[in-house]
Protein backbone atom coordinates (compact mmCIF):
# COMPACT_ATOMS: atom_id res chain seq x y z
CA MET A 1 -0.12 0.17 -0.19
CA ALA A 2 1.74 3.15 -0.87
CA ILE A 3 1.36 6.42 1.23
CA THR A 4 0.01 9.32 -0.94
CA GLY A 5 -1.06 12.87 0.27
CA ASN A 6 -2.84 12.36 3.50
CA SER A 7 -3.62 8.65 3.62
CA TRP A 8 -1.01 8.09 6.34
CA ARG A 9 -3.88 8.94 8.70
CA LYS A 10 -6.16 6.03 7.64
CA PRO A 11 -4.26 3.36 9.66
CA LEU A 12 -4.27 5.50 12.48
CA GLY A 13 -8.09 5.31 12.47
CA LEU A 14 -9.11 8.32 14.54
CA GLY A 15 -5.97 10.19 13.75
CA ALA A 16 -3.46 11.96 16.07
CA ALA A 17 -6.44 13.73 18.33
CA PRO A 18 -6.61 10.87 21.26
CA LEU A 19 -2.81 11.17 21.64
CA LEU A 20 -2.74 14.31 21.87
CA VAL A 21 -5.33 14.43 24.45
CA CYS A 22 -3.73 11.76 26.84
CA GLY A 23 -0.53 13.98 26.40
CA LEU A 24 -2.60 16.84 27.69
CA LEU A 25 -3.59 14.94 30.55
CA LEU A 26 -0.69 13.33 31.73
CA SER A 27 1.00 16.81 31.51
CA GLY A 28 -1.45 18.25 33.65
CA CYS A 29 -1.76 21.22 31.90
CA GLY A 30 0.31 23.37 34.43
CA GLY A 31 1.95 20.52 36.77
CA PRO A 32 1.08 19.30 40.10
CA LEU A 33 -0.14 21.80 42.70
CA THR A 34 2.18 23.21 44.84
CA TRP A 35 1.12 24.94 47.90
CA ARG A 36 1.58 28.43 48.21
CA VAL A 37 1.85 30.14 51.82
CA TYR A 38 2.13 33.41 52.52
CA PRO A 39 0.88 36.58 55.29
CA LEU A 40 -2.33 37.52 54.94
CA SER A 41 -3.29 39.87 57.44
CA ARG A 42 -6.84 40.11 59.45
CA ARG A 43 -6.94 43.25 60.91
CA VAL A 44 -2.86 44.10 61.76
CA PRO A 45 0.29 42.59 60.42
CA HIS A 46 1.41 39.11 61.15
CA ASP A 47 -2.50 38.32 62.59
CA GLY A 48 -2.97 35.48 59.63
CA LEU A 49 -1.51 33.16 56.85
CA ALA A 50 -3.10 31.83 53.74
CA VAL A 51 -2.43 28.47 52.81
CA VAL A 52 -3.31 27.78 48.91
CA ASN A 53 -3.90 23.82 49.10
CA GLN A 54 -6.50 23.81 46.34
CA PRO A 55 -6.62 24.51 42.18
CA ASP A 56 -7.88 27.62 41.09
CA GLY A 57 -6.41 29.41 44.66
CA TYR A 58 -8.80 27.78 47.19
CA GLY A 59 -7.25 27.27 50.69
CA ILE A 60 -7.37 28.18 54.44
CA HIS A 61 -6.86 31.46 56.11
CA ILE A 62 -5.20 30.52 59.03
CA TRP A 63 -5.84 33.03 62.18
CA ILE A 64 -2.88 34.02 64.27
CA ASP A 65 -3.70 35.31 67.65
CA THR A 66 -1.52 36.01 71.00
CA ASP A 67 -2.23 35.04 74.20
CA THR A 68 -0.59 37.17 77.16
CA ARG A 69 -2.22 35.71 79.89
CA GLN A 70 1.10 34.91 81.86
CA LEU A 71 3.03 37.81 82.93
CA GLY A 72 6.32 38.25 80.66
CA ILE A 73 5.15 35.64 78.46
CA CYS A 74 3.68 36.11 74.85
CA ARG A 75 2.51 32.82 72.78
CA PRO A 76 0.75 32.08 70.07
CA ARG A 77 -3.23 31.38 70.35
CA TRP A 78 -4.97 28.61 67.74
CA SER A 79 -8.37 28.67 66.39
CA PRO A 80 -8.85 25.46 64.02
CA ASP A 81 -11.68 26.91 62.39
CA PRO A 82 -9.85 28.47 59.58
CA ALA A 83 -11.82 31.04 57.13
CA ARG A 84 -12.15 29.74 53.36
CA LEU A 85 -10.24 31.69 51.24
CA PHE A 86 -10.64 32.91 47.67
CA ASN A 87 -8.82 33.88 45.15
CA GLY A 88 -5.29 33.02 46.79
CA ASN A 89 -3.21 33.04 43.47
CA GLY A 90 -4.74 35.91 41.97
CA SER A 91 -3.77 40.16 43.43
CA ALA A 92 -6.85 40.51 45.58
CA PRO A 93 -6.70 36.93 47.73
CA PHE A 94 -9.66 37.12 50.43
CA SER A 95 -11.50 34.86 53.11
CA SER A 96 -15.08 34.29 54.01
CA GLY A 97 -17.10 31.53 55.84
CA LEU A 98 -15.42 28.54 57.54
CA ALA A 99 -13.41 25.60 56.19
CA SER A 100 -13.08 22.51 57.25
CA ARG A 101 -11.03 21.41 60.64
CA ARG A 102 -9.63 18.40 58.53
CA GLU A 103 -7.89 20.98 55.98
CA PHE A 104 -6.69 22.91 58.86
CA PHE A 105 -5.07 19.92 60.09
CA GLN A 106 -3.38 18.98 56.67
CA ALA A 107 -2.13 22.22 56.35
CA VAL A 108 -0.62 22.34 59.84
CA GLY A 109 1.19 18.96 59.23
CA ARG A 110 3.51 20.37 56.88
CA TRP A 111 6.05 21.40 58.27
CA ASP A 112 6.66 24.70 55.77
CA VAL A 113 3.10 25.51 57.18
CA ARG A 114 4.50 25.20 60.79
CA ARG A 115 7.86 27.09 59.60
CA ARG A 116 5.59 30.27 58.46
CA LEU A 117 3.14 30.12 61.37
CA HIS A 118 6.33 30.26 63.68
CA GLN A 119 7.47 33.23 62.15
CA GLU A 120 3.85 35.25 62.30
CA SER A 121 3.20 34.21 65.28
CA GLU A 122 6.84 35.92 66.84
CA ALA A 123 6.35 38.93 64.78
CA LEU A 124 3.06 39.32 66.35
CA CYS A 125 3.50 38.79 69.32
CA LYS A 126 6.70 41.09 69.05
CA ALA A 127 4.10 43.58 67.71
CA ARG A 128 1.80 43.45 70.91
CA ALA A 129 3.83 42.73 73.66
CA ALA A 130 6.84 44.00 72.83
CA GLN A 131 8.64 42.99 76.40
CA ALA A 132 6.84 39.84 76.61
CA LYS A 133 9.35 36.75 75.73
CA PHE A 134 8.35 35.01 72.59
CA GLU A 135 7.03 31.67 73.29
CA TRP A 136 6.55 28.59 70.58
CA LYS A 137 3.26 26.90 70.91
CA ALA A 138 2.80 24.64 68.06
CA PRO A 139 -1.02 24.72 66.35
CA PRO A 140 -2.84 21.32 67.19
CA ARG A 141 -2.46 18.75 64.47
CA ARG A 142 -5.48 16.43 65.34
CA GLU A 143 -8.64 16.82 66.79
CA ALA A 144 -7.54 15.42 70.35
CA GLU A 145 -5.05 18.41 70.63
CA VAL A 146 -7.75 21.00 70.32
CA VAL A 147 -7.80 22.73 73.60
CA ARG A 148 -11.29 24.85 74.81
CA GLU A 149 -10.84 27.91 76.14
CA VAL A 150 -13.27 28.82 79.08
CA LEU A 151 -14.47 32.72 78.38
CA PRO A 152 -15.16 34.38 81.97
CA PRO A 153 -18.74 35.07 81.72
CA LEU A 154 -19.95 38.45 81.09
CA GLY A 155 -20.92 41.17 83.80
CA GLU A 156 -23.88 43.00 84.04
CA THR A 157 -22.12 46.20 83.07
CA GLU A 158 -21.34 44.06 80.35
CA LEU A 159 -24.91 42.89 79.07
CA LEU A 160 -27.40 45.46 76.44
CA PRO A 161 -30.00 47.28 78.25
CA ASP A 162 -33.91 45.80 77.39
CA PRO A 163 -34.91 46.99 74.32
CA ASN A 164 -38.44 47.67 75.43
CA ALA A 165 -37.33 50.12 78.24
CA LEU A 166 -34.62 51.52 75.88
CA ARG A 167 -37.56 52.37 73.39
CA GLN A 168 -39.69 53.85 76.37
CA GLU A 169 -37.19 55.60 77.49
CA GLU A 170 -36.15 57.56 74.43
CA GLN A 171 -40.32 58.24 73.88
CA LYS A 172 -39.97 59.97 77.29
CA MET A 173 -36.81 61.95 76.19
CA LEU A 174 -38.74 63.26 73.44
CA GLU A 175 -41.52 63.95 74.93
CA GLY A 176 -39.63 66.15 77.56
CA SER A 177 -40.21 63.67 80.78
CA PRO A 178 -37.19 62.87 82.92
CA SER A 179 -36.59 59.46 83.55
CA ARG A 180 -33.85 57.12 85.41
CA PRO A 181 -31.54 55.17 83.00
CA ALA A 182 -32.56 51.88 81.21
CA THR A 183 -30.48 48.93 83.40
CA PRO A 184 -30.20 45.55 82.06
CA GLN A 185 -32.74 43.27 83.20
CA HIS A 186 -32.22 39.38 83.66
């Protein structure tokens, strides 16, 4: 059989398209996912870390806080409930909502993430308590290591007044009659 013109495609049957598609799939169109880890502030410098762990810039935003309850010592305080990171590979990354604890534990299981968390938490401690000694406390790496912090109860002075009593007081003020201030009721 003589091969002339474009007749060389016929023995392949479907042509070269399947080979091209297989080659693109094997190459991964950009290679394997590489994690990106970089500082991403919430309110002040060093209080957050972005971890891009999914395609298209999705990931988690780990919030870093400080614990200065012990005099002269500043250590990181961890929340294993990170925010969902969007546009992590773009020019304006942001976070919203909650990501899973499983993703948090997976991220803090990586040495590069822990190294950056150490750096950022130390810088945050220096900014918040410059005279305190920094003491590294590793983030929890599984659910059993999560410590629930019991917050002190609110005092009566920290409670909002009864909205109905407040409205009545405002109405009396508008009418010009004196009244005593609304007090919190239980």
